[in-house]
Amino acid sequence: IEHHPKPRLCLVGEPTMMGVVDTHKGIRSYVTTVTGLEAHS
């Protein structure tokens, strides 16, 4: 976008058995860290 004219369309070639996919789910991933307090069990 910064250095070239914007393309008019894009074809992403992920495996679809050559079917046309017009929608897919989104992903959000996270890492949760819990900090506790050590002691003898």
PDB file of all heavy atoms in Angstrom:
ATOM      1  N   ILE A   1       0.825  -1.214   0.000  1.00  0.00           N
ATOM      2  CA  ILE A   1       0.000   0.000   0.000  1.00  0.00           C
ATOM      3  C   ILE A   1       0.857   1.262   0.000  1.00  0.00           C
ATOM      4  O   ILE A   1       0.525   2.259  -0.636  1.00  0.00           O
ATOM      5  CB  ILE A   1      -0.961  -0.032   1.204  1.00  0.00           C
ATOM      6  CG1 ILE A   1      -2.007  -1.142   0.985  1.00  0.00           C
ATOM      7  CG2 ILE A   1      -1.647   1.311   1.399  1.00  0.00           C
ATOM      8  CD1 ILE A   1      -2.921  -1.354   2.154  1.00  0.00           C
ATOM      9  N   GLU A   2       1.995   1.206   0.692  1.00  0.00           N
ATOM     10  CA  GLU A   2       2.852   2.395   0.781  1.00  0.00           C
ATOM     11  C   GLU A   2       3.639   2.647  -0.496  1.00  0.00           C
ATOM     12  O   GLU A   2       3.841   3.804  -0.888  1.00  0.00           O
ATOM     13  CB  GLU A   2       3.821   2.240   1.957  1.00  0.00           C
ATOM     14  CG  GLU A   2       4.739   3.439   2.140  1.00  0.00           C
ATOM     15  CD  GLU A   2       5.672   3.309   3.328  1.00  0.00           C
ATOM     16  OE1 GLU A   2       5.565   2.300   4.063  1.00  0.00           O
ATOM     17  OE2 GLU A   2       6.511   4.212   3.524  1.00  0.00           O
ATOM     18  N   HIS A   3       4.057   1.584  -1.173  1.00  0.00           N
ATOM     19  CA  HIS A   3       5.007   1.760  -2.273  1.00  0.00           C
ATOM     20  C   HIS A   3       4.445   1.441  -3.658  1.00  0.00           C
ATOM     21  O   HIS A   3       5.126   1.681  -4.661  1.00  0.00           O
ATOM     22  CB  HIS A   3       6.241   0.884  -2.031  1.00  0.00           C
ATOM     23  CG  HIS A   3       7.003   1.243  -0.796  1.00  0.00           C
ATOM     24  ND1 HIS A   3       7.822   2.349  -0.724  1.00  0.00           N
ATOM     25  CD2 HIS A   3       7.051   0.656   0.435  1.00  0.00           C
ATOM     26  CE1 HIS A   3       8.360   2.421   0.486  1.00  0.00           C
ATOM     27  NE2 HIS A   3       7.909   1.410   1.202  1.00  0.00           N
ATOM     28  N   HIS A   4       3.227   0.903  -3.721  1.00  0.00           N
ATOM     29  CA  HIS A   4       2.690   0.489  -5.009  1.00  0.00           C
ATOM     30  C   HIS A   4       1.221   0.882  -5.122  1.00  0.00           C
ATOM     31  O   HIS A   4       0.541   1.069  -4.113  1.00  0.00           O
ATOM     32  CB  HIS A   4       2.827  -1.033  -5.176  1.00  0.00           C
ATOM     33  CG  HIS A   4       4.236  -1.520  -5.141  1.00  0.00           C
ATOM     34  ND1 HIS A   4       5.062  -1.494  -6.236  1.00  0.00           N
ATOM     35  CD2 HIS A   4       4.970  -2.053  -4.118  1.00  0.00           C
ATOM     36  CE1 HIS A   4       6.241  -1.994  -5.903  1.00  0.00           C
ATOM     37  NE2 HIS A   4       6.216  -2.332  -4.632  1.00  0.00           N
ATOM     38  N   PRO A   5       0.716   0.950  -6.344  1.00  0.00           N
ATOM     39  CA  PRO A   5      -0.726   1.139  -6.503  1.00  0.00           C
ATOM     40  C   PRO A   5      -1.472  -0.048  -5.882  1.00  0.00           C
ATOM     41  O   PRO A   5      -0.998  -1.185  -5.944  1.00  0.00           O
ATOM     42  CB  PRO A   5      -0.908   1.163  -8.026  1.00  0.00           C
ATOM     43  CG  PRO A   5       0.431   1.479  -8.589  1.00  0.00           C
ATOM     44  CD  PRO A   5       1.420   0.903  -7.637  1.00  0.00           C
ATOM     45  N   LYS A   6      -2.627   0.241  -5.299  1.00  0.00           N
ATOM     46  CA  LYS A   6      -3.382  -0.830  -4.654  1.00  0.00           C
ATOM     47  C   LYS A   6      -3.897  -1.813  -5.697  1.00  0.00           C
ATOM     48  O   LYS A   6      -4.505  -1.424  -6.688  1.00  0.00           O
ATOM     49  CB  LYS A   6      -4.554  -0.253  -3.864  1.00  0.00           C
ATOM     50  CG  LYS A   6      -5.356  -1.325  -3.108  1.00  0.00           C
ATOM     51  CD  LYS A   6      -6.569  -0.749  -2.423  1.00  0.00           C
ATOM     52  CE  LYS A   6      -6.176   0.101  -1.231  1.00  0.00           C
ATOM     53  NZ  LYS A   6      -7.383   0.521  -0.464  1.00  0.00           N
ATOM     54  N   PRO A   7      -3.677  -3.124  -5.498  1.00  0.00           N
ATOM     55  CA  PRO A   7      -4.245  -4.125  -6.411  1.00  0.00           C
ATOM     56  C   PRO A   7      -5.770  -4.075  -6.395  1.00  0.00           C
ATOM     57  O   PRO A   7      -6.382  -3.690  -5.397  1.00  0.00           O
ATOM     58  CB  PRO A   7      -3.732  -5.454  -5.834  1.00  0.00           C
ATOM     59  CG  PRO A   7      -2.558  -5.085  -4.979  1.00  0.00           C
ATOM     60  CD  PRO A   7      -2.861  -3.723  -4.433  1.00  0.00           C
ATOM     61  N   ARG A   8      -6.382  -4.496  -7.484  1.00  0.00           N
ATOM     62  CA  ARG A   8      -7.844  -4.438  -7.534  1.00  0.00           C
ATOM     63  C   ARG A   8      -8.497  -5.658  -6.893  1.00  0.00           C
ATOM     64  O   ARG A   8      -9.658  -5.600  -6.502  1.00  0.00           O
ATOM     65  CB  ARG A   8      -8.337  -4.244  -8.960  1.00  0.00           C
ATOM     66  CG  ARG A   8      -8.194  -5.388  -9.918  1.00  0.00           C
ATOM     67  CD  ARG A   8      -8.710  -4.997 -11.304  1.00  0.00           C
ATOM     68  NE  ARG A   8      -8.609  -6.079 -12.273  1.00  0.00           N
ATOM     69  CZ  ARG A   8      -9.603  -6.907 -12.567  1.00  0.00           C
ATOM     70  NH1 ARG A   8     -10.764  -6.790 -11.955  1.00  0.00           N
ATOM     71  NH2 ARG A   8      -9.440  -7.863 -13.474  1.00  0.00           N
ATOM     72  N   LEU A   9      -7.739  -6.763  -6.758  1.00  0.00           N
ATOM     73  CA  LEU A   9      -8.292  -7.932  -6.076  1.00  0.00           C
ATOM     74  C   LEU A   9      -7.169  -8.890  -5.720  1.00  0.00           C
ATOM     75  O   LEU A   9      -6.040  -8.763  -6.206  1.00  0.00           O
ATOM     76  CB  LEU A   9      -9.348  -8.635  -6.933  1.00  0.00           C
ATOM     77  CG  LEU A   9      -8.920  -9.260  -8.257  1.00  0.00           C
ATOM     78  CD1 LEU A   9      -8.540 -10.727  -8.089  1.00  0.00           C
ATOM     79  CD2 LEU A   9     -10.033  -9.147  -9.280  1.00  0.00           C
ATOM     80  N   CYS A  10      -7.505  -9.865  -4.874  1.00  0.00           N
ATOM     81  CA  CYS A  10      -6.507 -10.837  -4.409  1.00  0.00           C
ATOM     82  C   CYS A  10      -7.128 -12.230  -4.393  1.00  0.00           C
ATOM     83  O   CYS A  10      -8.277 -12.415  -3.965  1.00  0.00           O
ATOM     84  CB  CYS A  10      -6.011 -10.457  -3.018  1.00  0.00           C
ATOM     85  SG  CYS A  10      -4.867 -11.663  -2.280  1.00  0.00           S
ATOM     86  N   LEU A  11      -6.350 -13.216  -4.832  1.00  0.00           N
ATOM     87  CA  LEU A  11      -6.725 -14.628  -4.749  1.00  0.00           C
ATOM     88  C   LEU A  11      -5.728 -15.324  -3.825  1.00  0.00           C
ATOM     89  O   LEU A  11      -4.529 -15.373  -4.123  1.00  0.00           O
ATOM     90  CB  LEU A  11      -6.685 -15.275  -6.141  1.00  0.00           C
ATOM     91  CG  LEU A  11      -7.539 -14.614  -7.224  1.00  0.00           C
ATOM     92  CD1 LEU A  11      -7.288 -15.279  -8.570  1.00  0.00           C
ATOM     93  CD2 LEU A  11      -9.021 -14.672  -6.863  1.00  0.00           C
ATOM     94  N   VAL A  12      -6.198 -15.812  -2.691  1.00  0.00           N
ATOM     95  CA  VAL A  12      -5.358 -16.519  -1.732  1.00  0.00           C
ATOM     96  C   VAL A  12      -5.505 -18.017  -2.003  1.00  0.00           C
ATOM     97  O   VAL A  12      -6.614 -18.558  -1.957  1.00  0.00           O
ATOM     98  CB  VAL A  12      -5.775 -16.194  -0.288  1.00  0.00           C
ATOM     99  CG1 VAL A  12      -4.962 -17.028   0.704  1.00  0.00           C
ATOM    100  CG2 VAL A  12      -5.578 -14.704  -0.003  1.00  0.00           C
ATOM    101  N   GLY A  13      -4.393 -18.689  -2.267  1.00  0.00           N
ATOM    102  CA  GLY A  13      -4.457 -20.056  -2.761  1.00  0.00           C
ATOM    103  C   GLY A  13      -4.406 -21.150  -1.722  1.00  0.00           C
ATOM    104  O   GLY A  13      -3.827 -22.220  -1.960  1.00  0.00           O
ATOM    105  N   GLU A  14      -5.012 -20.930  -0.552  1.00  0.00           N
ATOM    106  CA  GLU A  14      -5.099 -22.005   0.443  1.00  0.00           C
ATOM    107  C   GLU A  14      -5.923 -23.160  -0.132  1.00  0.00           C
ATOM    108  O   GLU A  14      -6.765 -22.968  -1.023  1.00  0.00           O
ATOM    109  CB  GLU A  14      -5.761 -21.488   1.718  1.00  0.00           C
ATOM    110  CG  GLU A  14      -4.930 -20.502   2.510  1.00  0.00           C
ATOM    111  CD  GLU A  14      -3.913 -21.172   3.411  1.00  0.00           C
ATOM    112  OE1 GLU A  14      -3.738 -22.422   3.329  1.00  0.00           O
ATOM    113  OE2 GLU A  14      -3.279 -20.471   4.224  1.00  0.00           O
ATOM    114  N   PRO A  15      -5.711 -24.383   0.374  1.00  0.00           N
ATOM    115  CA  PRO A  15      -6.414 -25.537  -0.200  1.00  0.00           C
ATOM    116  C   PRO A  15      -7.926 -25.489  -0.003  1.00  0.00           C
ATOM    117  O   PRO A  15      -8.413 -25.463   1.124  1.00  0.00           O
ATOM    118  CB  PRO A  15      -5.798 -26.732   0.539  1.00  0.00           C
ATOM    119  CG  PRO A  15      -5.152 -26.165   1.760  1.00  0.00           C
ATOM    120  CD  PRO A  15      -4.736 -24.779   1.417  1.00  0.00           C
ATOM    121  N   THR A  16      -8.645 -25.473  -1.119  1.00  0.00           N
ATOM    122  CA  THR A  16     -10.113 -25.468  -1.107  1.00  0.00           C
ATOM    123  C   THR A  16     -10.675 -26.474  -2.109  1.00  0.00           C
ATOM    124  O   THR A  16     -11.859 -26.418  -2.420  1.00  0.00           O
ATOM    125  CB  THR A  16     -10.662 -24.076  -1.473  1.00  0.00           C
ATOM    126  OG1 THR A  16     -10.328 -23.798  -2.848  1.00  0.00           O
ATOM    127  CG2 THR A  16     -10.106 -22.987  -0.582  1.00  0.00           C
ATOM    128  N   MET A  17      -9.834 -27.372  -2.649  1.00  0.00           N
ATOM    129  CA  MET A  17     -10.229 -28.267  -3.738  1.00  0.00           C
ATOM    130  C   MET A  17     -10.704 -27.449  -4.941  1.00  0.00           C
ATOM    131  O   MET A  17     -11.584 -27.839  -5.681  1.00  0.00           O
ATOM    132  CB  MET A  17     -11.309 -29.245  -3.282  1.00  0.00           C
ATOM    133  CG  MET A  17     -10.827 -30.229  -2.223  1.00  0.00           C
ATOM    134  SD  MET A  17      -9.580 -31.390  -2.842  1.00  0.00           S
ATOM    135  CE  MET A  17     -10.588 -32.472  -3.851  1.00  0.00           C
ATOM    136  N   MET A  18     -10.103 -26.275  -5.094  1.00  0.00           N
ATOM    137  CA  MET A  18     -10.386 -25.332  -6.179  1.00  0.00           C
ATOM    138  C   MET A  18     -11.817 -24.805  -6.147  1.00  0.00           C
ATOM    139  O   MET A  18     -12.322 -24.290  -7.141  1.00  0.00           O
ATOM    140  CB  MET A  18     -10.050 -25.923  -7.544  1.00  0.00           C
ATOM    141  CG  MET A  18      -8.568 -26.234  -7.736  1.00  0.00           C
ATOM    142  SD  MET A  18      -7.448 -24.858  -7.327  1.00  0.00           S
ATOM    143  CE  MET A  18      -7.963 -23.590  -8.488  1.00  0.00           C
ATOM    144  N   GLY A  19     -12.471 -24.928  -5.001  1.00  0.00           N
ATOM    145  CA  GLY A  19     -13.738 -24.244  -4.808  1.00  0.00           C
ATOM    146  C   GLY A  19     -13.486 -22.810  -4.379  1.00  0.00           C
ATOM    147  O   GLY A  19     -12.404 -22.473  -3.873  1.00  0.00           O
ATOM    148  N   VAL A  20     -14.455 -21.951  -4.562  1.00  0.00           N
ATOM    149  CA  VAL A  20     -14.309 -20.531  -4.229  1.00  0.00           C
ATOM    150  C   VAL A  20     -14.870 -20.288  -2.829  1.00  0.00           C
ATOM    151  O   VAL A  20     -16.065 -20.472  -2.589  1.00  0.00           O
ATOM    152  CB  VAL A  20     -15.037 -19.645  -5.254  1.00  0.00           C
ATOM    153  CG1 VAL A  20     -14.889 -18.172  -4.879  1.00  0.00           C
ATOM    154  CG2 VAL A  20     -14.480 -19.894  -6.656  1.00  0.00           C
ATOM    155  N   VAL A  21     -13.994 -19.894  -1.922  1.00  0.00           N
ATOM    156  CA  VAL A  21     -14.375 -19.607  -0.532  1.00  0.00           C
ATOM    157  C   VAL A  21     -14.510 -18.103  -0.364  1.00  0.00           C
ATOM    158  O   VAL A  21     -13.545 -17.366  -0.569  1.00  0.00           O
ATOM    159  CB  VAL A  21     -13.337 -20.181   0.448  1.00  0.00           C
ATOM    160  CG1 VAL A  21     -13.565 -19.640   1.858  1.00  0.00           C
ATOM    161  CG2 VAL A  21     -13.389 -21.708   0.440  1.00  0.00           C
ATOM    162  N   ASP A  22     -15.700 -17.664   0.007  1.00  0.00           N
ATOM    163  CA  ASP A  22     -15.935 -16.221   0.159  1.00  0.00           C
ATOM    164  C   ASP A  22     -16.022 -15.793   1.614  1.00  0.00           C
ATOM    165  O   ASP A  22     -16.166 -14.603   1.901  1.00  0.00           O
ATOM    166  CB  ASP A  22     -17.205 -15.804  -0.576  1.00  0.00           C
ATOM    167  CG  ASP A  22     -18.471 -16.321   0.100  1.00  0.00           C
ATOM    168  OD1 ASP A  22     -18.429 -17.409   0.722  1.00  0.00           O
ATOM    169  OD2 ASP A  22     -19.521 -15.651   0.004  1.00  0.00           O
ATOM    170  N   THR A  23     -15.931 -16.738   2.544  1.00  0.00           N
ATOM    171  CA  THR A  23     -16.006 -16.367   3.963  1.00  0.00           C
ATOM    172  C   THR A  23     -15.333 -17.418   4.831  1.00  0.00           C
ATOM    173  O   THR A  23     -15.403 -18.627   4.540  1.00  0.00           O
ATOM    174  CB  THR A  23     -17.475 -16.171   4.408  1.00  0.00           C
ATOM    175  OG1 THR A  23     -17.504 -15.766   5.782  1.00  0.00           O
ATOM    176  CG2 THR A  23     -18.287 -17.446   4.241  1.00  0.00           C
ATOM    177  N   HIS A  24     -14.659 -16.959   5.866  1.00  0.00           N
ATOM    178  CA  HIS A  24     -14.096 -17.880   6.857  1.00  0.00           C
ATOM    179  C   HIS A  24     -14.082 -17.208   8.223  1.00  0.00           C
ATOM    180  O   HIS A  24     -14.258 -15.988   8.350  1.00  0.00           O
ATOM    181  CB  HIS A  24     -12.704 -18.374   6.457  1.00  0.00           C
ATOM    182  CG  HIS A  24     -11.619 -17.324   6.372  1.00  0.00           C
ATOM    183  ND1 HIS A  24     -11.239 -16.533   7.433  1.00  0.00           N
ATOM    184  CD2 HIS A  24     -10.812 -16.959   5.340  1.00  0.00           C
ATOM    185  CE1 HIS A  24     -10.247 -15.740   7.070  1.00  0.00           C
ATOM    186  NE2 HIS A  24      -9.975 -15.961   5.799  1.00  0.00           N
ATOM    187  N   LYS A  25     -13.904 -18.012   9.244  1.00  0.00           N
ATOM    188  CA  LYS A  25     -13.872 -17.504  10.608  1.00  0.00           C
ATOM    189  C   LYS A  25     -12.579 -16.724  10.856  1.00  0.00           C
ATOM    190  O   LYS A  25     -11.583 -16.882  10.147  1.00  0.00           O
ATOM    191  CB  LYS A  25     -13.986 -18.658  11.607  1.00  0.00           C
ATOM    192  CG  LYS A  25     -15.320 -19.383  11.568  1.00  0.00           C
ATOM    193  CD  LYS A  25     -15.369 -20.516  12.591  1.00  0.00           C
ATOM    194  CE  LYS A  25     -16.706 -21.240  12.546  1.00  0.00           C
ATOM    195  NZ  LYS A  25     -16.784 -22.350  13.529  1.00  0.00           N
ATOM    196  N   GLY A  26     -12.615 -15.882  11.885  1.00  0.00           N
ATOM    197  CA  GLY A  26     -11.415 -15.188  12.324  1.00  0.00           C
ATOM    198  C   GLY A  26     -10.820 -15.892  13.526  1.00  0.00           C
ATOM    199  O   GLY A  26     -11.481 -16.711  14.182  1.00  0.00           O
ATOM    200  N   ILE A  27      -9.567 -15.602  13.829  1.00  0.00           N
ATOM    201  CA  ILE A  27      -8.889 -16.205  14.989  1.00  0.00           C
ATOM    202  C   ILE A  27      -8.315 -15.109  15.867  1.00  0.00           C
ATOM    203  O   ILE A  27      -7.684 -14.156  15.369  1.00  0.00           O
ATOM    204  CB  ILE A  27      -7.735 -17.127  14.568  1.00  0.00           C
ATOM    205  CG1 ILE A  27      -8.229 -18.276  13.703  1.00  0.00           C
ATOM    206  CG2 ILE A  27      -7.027 -17.686  15.798  1.00  0.00           C
ATOM    207  CD1 ILE A  27      -7.115 -19.197  13.252  1.00  0.00           C
ATOM    208  N   ARG A  28      -8.533 -15.252  17.161  1.00  0.00           N
ATOM    209  CA  ARG A  28      -7.810 -14.451  18.153  1.00  0.00           C
ATOM    210  C   ARG A  28      -7.217 -15.414  19.167  1.00  0.00           C
ATOM    211  O   ARG A  28      -7.937 -16.250  19.719  1.00  0.00           O
ATOM    212  CB  ARG A  28      -8.738 -13.445  18.829  1.00  0.00           C
ATOM    213  CG  ARG A  28      -9.183 -12.353  17.849  1.00  0.00           C
ATOM    214  CD  ARG A  28     -10.144 -11.378  18.476  1.00  0.00           C
ATOM    215  NE  ARG A  28     -10.528 -10.396  17.467  1.00  0.00           N
ATOM    216  CZ  ARG A  28     -10.244  -9.097  17.537  1.00  0.00           C
ATOM    217  NH1 ARG A  28      -9.602  -8.619  18.583  1.00  0.00           N
ATOM    218  NH2 ARG A  28     -10.623  -8.270  16.576  1.00  0.00           N
ATOM    219  N   SER A  29      -5.918 -15.316  19.380  1.00  0.00           N
ATOM    220  CA  SER A  29      -5.266 -16.216  20.333  1.00  0.00           C
ATOM    221  C   SER A  29      -4.533 -15.411  21.397  1.00  0.00           C
ATOM    222  O   SER A  29      -4.076 -14.283  21.143  1.00  0.00           O
ATOM    223  CB  SER A  29      -4.300 -17.164  19.605  1.00  0.00           C
ATOM    224  OG  SER A  29      -3.235 -16.455  19.005  1.00  0.00           O
ATOM    225  N   TYR A  30      -4.443 -16.003  22.581  1.00  0.00           N
ATOM    226  CA  TYR A  30      -3.912 -15.303  23.747  1.00  0.00           C
ATOM    227  C   TYR A  30      -3.054 -16.247  24.585  1.00  0.00           C
ATOM    228  O   TYR A  30      -3.198 -17.472  24.523  1.00  0.00           O
ATOM    229  CB  TYR A  30      -5.058 -14.781  24.624  1.00  0.00           C
ATOM    230  CG  TYR A  30      -5.989 -13.844  23.900  1.00  0.00           C
ATOM    231  CD1 TYR A  30      -7.089 -14.325  23.204  1.00  0.00           C
ATOM    232  CD2 TYR A  30      -5.755 -12.469  23.888  1.00  0.00           C
ATOM    233  CE1 TYR A  30      -7.942 -13.478  22.517  1.00  0.00           C
ATOM    234  CE2 TYR A  30      -6.601 -11.611  23.205  1.00  0.00           C
ATOM    235  CZ  TYR A  30      -7.694 -12.122  22.516  1.00  0.00           C
ATOM    236  OH  TYR A  30      -8.529 -11.275  21.834  1.00  0.00           O
ATOM    237  N   VAL A  31      -2.191 -15.646  25.393  1.00  0.00           N
ATOM    238  CA  VAL A  31      -1.454 -16.381  26.406  1.00  0.00           C
ATOM    239  C   VAL A  31      -1.779 -15.754  27.759  1.00  0.00           C
ATOM    240  O   VAL A  31      -1.582 -14.545  27.957  1.00  0.00           O
ATOM    241  CB  VAL A  31       0.067 -16.344  26.161  1.00  0.00           C
ATOM    242  CG1 VAL A  31       0.803 -17.016  27.308  1.00  0.00           C
ATOM    243  CG2 VAL A  31       0.411 -17.017  24.838  1.00  0.00           C
ATOM    244  N   THR A  32      -2.311 -16.567  28.655  1.00  0.00           N
ATOM    245  CA  THR A  32      -2.648 -16.107  30.005  1.00  0.00           C
ATOM    246  C   THR A  32      -1.636 -16.680  30.983  1.00  0.00           C
ATOM    247  O   THR A  32      -1.370 -17.886  30.979  1.00  0.00           O
ATOM    248  CB  THR A  32      -4.066 -16.546  30.399  1.00  0.00           C
ATOM    249  OG1 THR A  32      -5.017 -15.907  29.528  1.00  0.00           O
ATOM    250  CG2 THR A  32      -4.380 -16.169  31.839  1.00  0.00           C
ATOM    251  N   THR A  33      -1.062 -15.811  31.808  1.00  0.00           N
ATOM    252  CA  THR A  33      -0.080 -16.216  32.812  1.00  0.00           C
ATOM    253  C   THR A  33      -0.614 -15.914  34.197  1.00  0.00           C
ATOM    254  O   THR A  33      -1.022 -14.780  34.476  1.00  0.00           O
ATOM    255  CB  THR A  33       1.259 -15.488  32.602  1.00  0.00           C
ATOM    256  OG1 THR A  33       1.751 -15.768  31.290  1.00  0.00           O
ATOM    257  CG2 THR A  33       2.289 -15.931  33.632  1.00  0.00           C
ATOM    258  N   VAL A  34      -0.609 -16.922  35.045  1.00  0.00           N
ATOM    259  CA  VAL A  34      -1.022 -16.771  36.443  1.00  0.00           C
ATOM    260  C   VAL A  34       0.222 -16.794  37.318  1.00  0.00           C
ATOM    261  O   VAL A  34       1.051 -17.696  37.203  1.00  0.00           O
ATOM    262  CB  VAL A  34      -1.979 -17.903  36.870  1.00  0.00           C
ATOM    263  CG1 VAL A  34      -2.383 -17.733  38.340  1.00  0.00           C
ATOM    264  CG2 VAL A  34      -3.206 -17.948  35.972  1.00  0.00           C
ATOM    265  N   THR A  35       0.365 -15.788  38.172  1.00  0.00           N
ATOM    266  CA  THR A  35       1.457 -15.735  39.142  1.00  0.00           C
ATOM    267  C   THR A  35       0.873 -15.918  40.531  1.00  0.00           C
ATOM    268  O   THR A  35       0.008 -15.145  40.956  1.00  0.00           O
ATOM    269  CB  THR A  35       2.207 -14.400  39.066  1.00  0.00           C
ATOM    270  OG1 THR A  35       2.695 -14.199  37.735  1.00  0.00           O
ATOM    271  CG2 THR A  35       3.374 -14.373  40.052  1.00  0.00           C
ATOM    272  N   GLY A  36       1.320 -16.953  41.203  1.00  0.00           N
ATOM    273  CA  GLY A  36       0.827 -17.247  42.548  1.00  0.00           C
ATOM    274  C   GLY A  36       1.897 -17.029  43.599  1.00  0.00           C
ATOM    275  O   GLY A  36       2.755 -16.153  43.454  1.00  0.00           O
ATOM    276  N   LEU A  37       1.889 -17.846  44.639  1.00  0.00           N
ATOM    277  CA  LEU A  37       2.835 -17.716  45.759  1.00  0.00           C
ATOM    278  C   LEU A  37       3.265 -19.107  46.183  1.00  0.00           C
ATOM    279  O   LEU A  37       2.435 -19.942  46.544  1.00  0.00           O
ATOM    280  CB  LEU A  37       2.183 -16.980  46.924  1.00  0.00           C
ATOM    281  CG  LEU A  37       3.035 -16.788  48.183  1.00  0.00           C
ATOM    282  CD1 LEU A  37       4.264 -15.932  47.878  1.00  0.00           C
ATOM    283  CD2 LEU A  37       2.198 -16.166  49.299  1.00  0.00           C
ATOM    284  N   GLU A  38       4.580 -19.370  46.107  1.00  0.00           N
ATOM    285  CA  GLU A  38       5.077 -20.687  46.486  1.00  0.00           C
ATOM    286  C   GLU A  38       4.947 -20.920  47.982  1.00  0.00           C
ATOM    287  O   GLU A  38       4.993 -19.979  48.781  1.00  0.00           O
ATOM    288  CB  GLU A  38       6.556 -20.856  46.118  1.00  0.00           C
ATOM    289  CG  GLU A  38       6.898 -20.629  44.675  1.00  0.00           C
ATOM    290  CD  GLU A  38       7.611 -19.319  44.475  1.00  0.00           C
ATOM    291  OE1 GLU A  38       7.166 -18.321  45.082  1.00  0.00           O
ATOM    292  OE2 GLU A  38       8.599 -19.284  43.717  1.00  0.00           O
ATOM    293  N   ALA A  39       4.804 -22.189  48.312  1.00  0.00           N
ATOM    294  CA  ALA A  39       4.831 -22.637  49.706  1.00  0.00           C
ATOM    295  C   ALA A  39       4.994 -24.150  49.687  1.00  0.00           C
ATOM    296  O   ALA A  39       4.866 -24.794  48.634  1.00  0.00           O
ATOM    297  CB  ALA A  39       3.557 -22.239  50.434  1.00  0.00           C
ATOM    298  N   HIS A  40       5.281 -24.714  50.854  1.00  0.00           N
ATOM    299  CA  HIS A  40       5.307 -26.164  50.962  1.00  0.00           C
ATOM    300  C   HIS A  40       3.900 -26.687  50.678  1.00  0.00           C
ATOM    301  O   HIS A  40       2.905 -26.093  51.091  1.00  0.00           O
ATOM    302  CB  HIS A  40       5.752 -26.569  52.377  1.00  0.00           C
ATOM    303  CG  HIS A  40       6.103 -28.009  52.500  1.00  0.00           C
ATOM    304  ND1 HIS A  40       5.149 -29.006  52.548  1.00  0.00           N
ATOM    305  CD2 HIS A  40       7.311 -28.625  52.593  1.00  0.00           C
ATOM    306  CE1 HIS A  40       5.747 -30.179  52.666  1.00  0.00           C
ATOM    307  NE2 HIS A  40       7.077 -29.973  52.692  1.00  0.00           N
ATOM    308  N   SER A  41       3.825 -27.788  49.967  1.00  0.00           N
ATOM    309  CA  SER A  41       2.514 -28.281  49.547  1.00  0.00           C
ATOM    310  C   SER A  41       1.636 -28.723  50.721  1.00  0.00           C
ATOM    311  O   SER A  41       0.435 -28.919  50.542  1.00  0.00           O
ATOM    312  CB  SER A  41       2.672 -29.444  48.560  1.00  0.00           C
ATOM    313  OG  SER A  41       3.383 -30.512  49.164  1.00  0.00           O
TER     314      SER A  41
END
